[in-house]
Structures are given as structure tokens and as C-alpha cells.
Amino acid sequence: MGKYCEICAKGTLNGHAVSHSNRKTNRIWAPNVQNVRVVVNGTAKRMNVCTRCLRSGNVMRALPKTRQEA
């Protein structure tokens, strides 16, 4: 499931796109979800995380393996 944050459980929302003449068509609002490596219980793991959680510091990004060894 791509458009779902595994940290805050933020997912897609649905509603109507309303035109100037007030005609309504279905549409979807999707969160900005990135597939990133994060540290979970001391190990690196790939997770789908929204950018709000990344910016607010709810998760700790895992450094690339080349950086950790140096």
C-alpha cells in the first residue's frame, strides 16, 4: 500500500472536486509518502513515511551503509 504512512497511519482522503458551475466529481487527496530507511529497534528498515513525520522528527533516518562504516 503506497499512500499510507506506517508511523502516523495517515492515508488517502476522498471527496469531490467542485467546478465553477458546482458540478461535483470524485477525487482523492493523497499524503506525500516516501519509502525511506529508518531505524527501528536499532536496525535499519524500509518504511513508508509521510514527509510530515520526517520533518517533525517522529522517525530517525538510517544513514547509508558507506557512511556508518567510515
Protein backbone atom coordinates (compact mmCIF):
# COMPACT_ATOMS: atom_id res chain seq x y z
CA MET A 1 0.00 0.00 0.00
CA GLY A 2 1.85 3.05 -1.23
CA LYS A 3 -0.12 6.06 0.03
CA TYR A 4 -0.16 5.15 3.71
CA CYS A 5 2.16 6.35 6.49
CA GLU A 6 3.26 3.50 8.74
CA ILE A 7 4.08 5.90 11.59
CA CYS A 8 1.01 8.12 11.99
CA ALA A 9 -1.44 5.98 9.91
CA LYS A 10 -2.18 8.91 7.61
CA GLY A 11 -3.87 7.67 4.44
CA THR A 12 -5.81 8.89 1.44
CA LEU A 13 -8.94 11.01 1.80
CA ASN A 14 -11.73 11.24 -0.73
CA GLY A 15 -14.20 13.92 -1.60
CA HIS A 16 -15.46 16.00 -4.51
CA ALA A 17 -13.75 18.28 -6.96
CA VAL A 18 -16.22 21.14 -7.33
CA SER A 19 -16.23 23.11 -10.58
CA HIS A 20 -17.24 26.73 -11.05
CA SER A 21 -20.71 25.56 -12.11
CA ASN A 22 -20.90 23.48 -8.89
CA ARG A 23 -20.68 20.12 -10.65
CA LYS A 24 -19.07 17.51 -8.42
CA THR A 25 -16.72 14.73 -9.49
CA ASN A 26 -14.93 12.28 -7.22
CA ARG A 27 -11.29 12.87 -6.38
CA ILE A 28 -8.64 11.66 -3.94
CA TRP A 29 -6.23 13.58 -1.72
CA ALA A 30 -3.10 11.53 -1.06
CA PRO A 31 -0.40 12.27 1.52
CA ASN A 32 3.21 12.76 0.47
CA VAL A 33 4.59 9.35 1.42
CA GLN A 34 8.25 8.43 0.88
CA ASN A 35 9.84 4.99 1.06
CA VAL A 36 12.85 5.62 3.34
CA ARG A 37 15.24 3.63 5.53
CA VAL A 38 14.56 4.33 9.20
CA VAL A 39 16.00 2.97 12.42
CA VAL A 40 13.54 0.71 14.27
CA ASN A 41 14.75 -1.03 17.47
CA GLY A 42 18.37 -0.42 16.47
CA THR A 43 18.08 -1.93 12.98
CA ALA A 44 17.51 -0.24 9.63
CA LYS A 45 14.19 -0.97 7.96
CA ARG A 46 12.42 0.36 4.87
CA MET A 47 9.10 2.01 5.69
CA ASN A 48 6.53 4.23 4.02
CA VAL A 49 6.68 7.50 5.98
CA CYS A 50 4.90 10.79 5.28
CA THR A 51 7.03 13.91 4.97
CA ARG A 52 5.35 15.47 8.00
CA CYS A 53 6.71 12.66 10.21
CA LEU A 54 10.15 13.04 8.63
CA ARG A 55 10.23 16.81 9.20
CA SER A 56 8.87 16.69 12.75
CA GLY A 57 11.41 14.07 13.82
CA ASN A 58 8.97 11.24 14.57
CA VAL A 59 11.40 8.81 12.90
CA MET A 60 15.18 8.58 12.77
CA ARG A 61 16.55 8.12 9.26
CA ALA A 62 19.16 5.41 8.80
CA LEU A 63 22.43 6.55 7.31
CA PRO A 64 23.74 4.79 4.18
CA LYS A 65 25.98 1.82 4.90
CA THR A 66 29.06 3.54 3.47
CA ARG A 67 28.71 6.42 5.92
CA GLN A 68 28.23 4.23 9.00
CA GLU A 69 31.40 2.23 8.36
CA ALA A 70 33.57 5.34 7.92
